[in-house]
Protein backbone atom coordinates (compact mmCIF):
# COMPACT_ATOMS: atom_id res chain seq x y z
CA MET A 1 35.67 -24.24 -119.17
CA SER A 2 38.39 -26.80 -118.54
CA ALA A 3 40.76 -26.57 -115.58
CA PRO A 4 43.75 -25.44 -117.73
CA ARG A 5 41.66 -22.63 -119.25
CA ILE A 6 40.43 -21.59 -115.81
CA ARG A 7 44.01 -21.58 -114.48
CA GLU A 8 45.17 -19.55 -117.49
CA ALA A 9 42.39 -16.99 -117.02
CA ILE A 10 43.12 -16.68 -113.28
CA ASP A 11 46.87 -16.30 -113.87
CA LYS A 12 46.30 -13.65 -116.53
CA LEU A 13 43.94 -11.66 -114.32
CA ALA A 14 46.24 -12.02 -111.30
CA GLY A 15 49.07 -10.58 -113.41
CA VAL A 16 46.96 -7.57 -114.36
CA PHE A 17 46.00 -6.96 -110.73
CA ALA A 18 49.58 -7.41 -109.49
CA ALA A 19 50.75 -4.74 -111.95
CA ASN A 20 47.72 -2.48 -111.44
CA PRO A 21 46.06 -3.10 -108.04
CA GLU A 22 43.54 -0.32 -108.66
CA LYS A 23 42.01 -2.44 -111.45
CA ALA A 24 41.01 -5.10 -108.91
CA ARG A 25 38.42 -2.82 -107.29
CA VAL A 26 35.16 -2.90 -109.21
CA LYS A 27 31.62 -1.75 -108.67
CA ASN A 28 29.40 -4.82 -108.74
CA ALA A 29 26.37 -5.00 -111.00
CA PRO A 30 23.17 -3.93 -109.24
CA ALA A 31 20.18 -6.20 -108.75
CA THR A 32 16.78 -4.54 -108.97
CA ALA A 33 13.68 -6.22 -107.58
CA ARG A 34 10.26 -5.09 -108.80
CA LEU A 35 7.07 -6.29 -107.18
CA ASP A 36 5.13 -8.15 -109.87
CA ASP A 37 2.02 -9.64 -108.29
CA GLY A 38 1.20 -10.52 -104.71
CA LEU A 39 4.58 -11.32 -103.18
CA ARG A 40 6.22 -12.33 -106.47
CA CYS A 41 9.18 -10.16 -107.48
CA GLU A 42 11.20 -10.09 -110.64
CA VAL A 43 14.86 -9.35 -110.01
CA THR A 44 16.88 -8.08 -112.95
CA GLY A 45 20.43 -7.08 -113.66
CA PRO A 46 22.02 -4.80 -116.25
CA ASN A 47 23.02 -7.62 -118.62
CA GLY A 48 19.68 -9.41 -118.93
CA GLU A 49 20.00 -11.42 -115.72
CA ARG A 50 16.59 -12.38 -114.39
CA VAL A 51 15.20 -14.35 -111.49
CA VAL A 52 11.72 -14.53 -109.97
CA THR A 53 11.20 -14.83 -106.22
CA ASP A 54 8.05 -15.56 -104.30
CA MET A 55 6.98 -16.68 -100.87
CA PRO A 56 5.30 -19.95 -99.93
CA ALA A 57 1.51 -20.07 -99.86
CA GLY A 58 1.54 -20.16 -96.06
CA LEU A 59 2.98 -16.64 -96.08
CA GLY A 60 0.62 -15.34 -98.77
CA GLY A 61 2.70 -16.10 -101.86
CA THR A 62 2.15 -18.58 -104.65
CA ALA A 63 5.58 -20.25 -104.55
CA ALA A 64 6.16 -19.18 -108.16
CA GLY A 65 9.90 -19.00 -107.43
CA PRO A 66 12.39 -19.49 -104.64
CA ASN A 67 12.11 -17.26 -101.61
CA PRO A 68 14.76 -14.56 -101.21
CA SER A 69 16.52 -16.21 -98.28
CA TRP A 70 16.95 -19.37 -100.35
CA LEU A 71 18.69 -17.19 -102.94
CA LEU A 72 21.10 -16.03 -100.23
CA ARG A 73 21.88 -19.65 -99.31
CA SER A 74 22.16 -20.65 -102.96
CA GLY A 75 24.48 -17.71 -103.60
CA MET A 76 26.66 -18.75 -100.68
CA ALA A 77 26.73 -22.38 -101.83
CA SER A 78 27.43 -21.64 -105.49
CA CYS A 79 29.99 -18.95 -104.70
CA THR A 80 31.93 -21.32 -102.46
CA ALA A 81 31.71 -24.13 -105.03
CA THR A 82 32.99 -21.73 -107.69
CA VAL A 83 35.95 -20.60 -105.58
CA ILE A 84 36.77 -24.25 -104.77
CA ALA A 85 36.75 -25.09 -108.48
CA MET A 86 38.87 -22.02 -109.32
CA ARG A 87 41.43 -22.81 -106.60
CA ALA A 88 41.53 -26.48 -107.60
CA ALA A 89 42.25 -25.46 -111.20
CA LYS A 90 44.95 -23.05 -110.02
CA LEU A 91 46.60 -25.81 -107.95
CA GLY A 92 46.19 -28.47 -110.65
CA ILE A 93 43.80 -30.57 -108.57
CA GLY A 94 41.24 -32.48 -110.60
CA LEU A 95 37.83 -32.68 -108.97
CA THR A 96 35.51 -35.63 -109.55
CA THR A 97 32.84 -34.61 -107.01
CA LEU A 98 31.95 -31.21 -105.65
CA GLU A 99 28.70 -30.48 -103.87
CA VAL A 100 28.14 -27.56 -101.50
CA THR A 101 25.00 -27.30 -99.38
CA VAL A 102 24.10 -24.33 -97.17
CA GLU A 103 21.42 -24.69 -94.51
CA SER A 104 20.02 -22.17 -92.06
CA GLU A 105 17.35 -21.65 -89.47
CA SER A 106 14.97 -18.76 -88.98
CA ASP A 107 12.23 -17.60 -86.68
CA GLN A 108 9.48 -16.15 -88.85
CA ARG A 109 8.10 -14.10 -85.98
CA GLY A 110 10.90 -11.62 -86.73
CA MET A 111 9.87 -11.12 -90.37
CA LEU A 112 6.23 -10.74 -89.36
CA GLY A 113 7.06 -8.27 -86.59
CA LEU A 114 5.35 -10.39 -83.94
CA ASP A 115 8.19 -10.00 -81.43
CA GLU A 116 10.66 -7.13 -81.74
CA LYS A 117 13.21 -9.15 -79.75
CA VAL A 118 13.28 -11.80 -82.52
CA SER A 119 15.56 -11.08 -85.46
CA ALA A 120 14.24 -11.54 -88.98
CA GLY A 121 17.75 -12.65 -89.98
CA LEU A 122 18.81 -16.16 -90.81
CA GLY A 123 20.71 -17.98 -88.12
CA GLY A 124 22.57 -21.20 -87.69
CA LEU A 125 24.16 -21.11 -91.15
CA ARG A 126 25.83 -24.45 -91.89
CA MET A 127 27.84 -25.28 -94.97
CA LYS A 128 28.45 -28.89 -95.95
CA VAL A 129 30.97 -29.73 -98.67
CA LYS A 130 31.23 -33.11 -100.37
CA ILE A 131 34.42 -33.32 -102.42
CA ALA A 132 36.54 -35.91 -104.19
CA GLY A 133 39.45 -35.54 -106.54
CA ASP A 134 42.96 -36.57 -107.46
CA ALA A 135 44.57 -35.15 -104.32
CA PRO A 136 44.97 -36.61 -100.82
CA ALA A 137 42.11 -36.00 -98.38
CA ALA A 138 44.21 -33.52 -96.37
CA LYS A 139 44.87 -31.44 -99.52
CA LEU A 140 41.18 -31.47 -100.45
CA LYS A 141 40.26 -30.36 -96.93
CA GLU A 142 42.85 -27.55 -97.14
CA LEU A 143 41.44 -26.57 -100.55
CA VAL A 144 37.91 -26.31 -99.15
CA GLU A 145 38.99 -24.35 -96.07
CA TRP A 146 41.02 -21.87 -98.17
CA SER A 147 38.17 -21.45 -100.63
CA GLU A 148 35.53 -20.95 -97.95
CA ALA A 149 37.71 -18.21 -96.44
CA HIS A 150 37.97 -16.50 -99.86
CA SER A 151 34.37 -16.86 -101.09
CA PRO A 152 33.01 -13.33 -101.66
CA VAL A 153 29.46 -14.24 -100.59
CA GLY A 154 30.65 -16.21 -97.57
CA CYS A 155 32.99 -13.38 -96.54
CA THR A 156 30.14 -10.88 -96.88
CA VAL A 157 27.83 -12.97 -94.70
CA ARG A 158 30.52 -13.52 -92.04
CA ASN A 159 31.78 -9.93 -92.03
CA ALA A 160 28.62 -7.99 -92.76
CA PRO A 161 29.60 -4.66 -94.36
CA SER A 162 27.90 -1.40 -93.60
CA SER A 163 24.86 -0.81 -95.72
CA ALA A 164 22.86 2.26 -96.60
CA LEU A 165 19.21 2.83 -97.37
CA ASP A 166 18.02 5.48 -99.81
CA ILE A 167 14.25 5.97 -100.05
CA GLU A 168 12.55 7.67 -102.98
CA VAL A 169 8.81 8.14 -102.55
CA ALA A 170 7.27 8.30 -106.02
């Protein structure tokens, strides 16, 4: 979709939400992971979305797909890139380069339960953005900072919401 079409779509949707704020709140599509074989899972969504995850051989998987924590990083990177592109279109900034990389660190003792003091969570998240376009460097930096602050995945990671666990034993 070209920048003018993106801007038009955003403006139209913003108008709907300004007139009817209740329409802005939506329930997001669920993702359901089913264990397939070994550590390989197939994750599906309600509209035919599908992704396969697996763990590296060193952890007992077959590396048939990315590991779940990579999907978190890829979601954060692609979400931020998308918001940058949307905001650039809204502001009339043409982008010639946009690359977002998210890195993290982890201590696998936490996932394996080898030390209860060690978190299984990812740490040291770092986002790197490479950007070029038809705006001054200061404007591009401002664009990236605004977009990073408004990326749904990034906001969720930074401000972890409450979560619930429902268990159904079949």
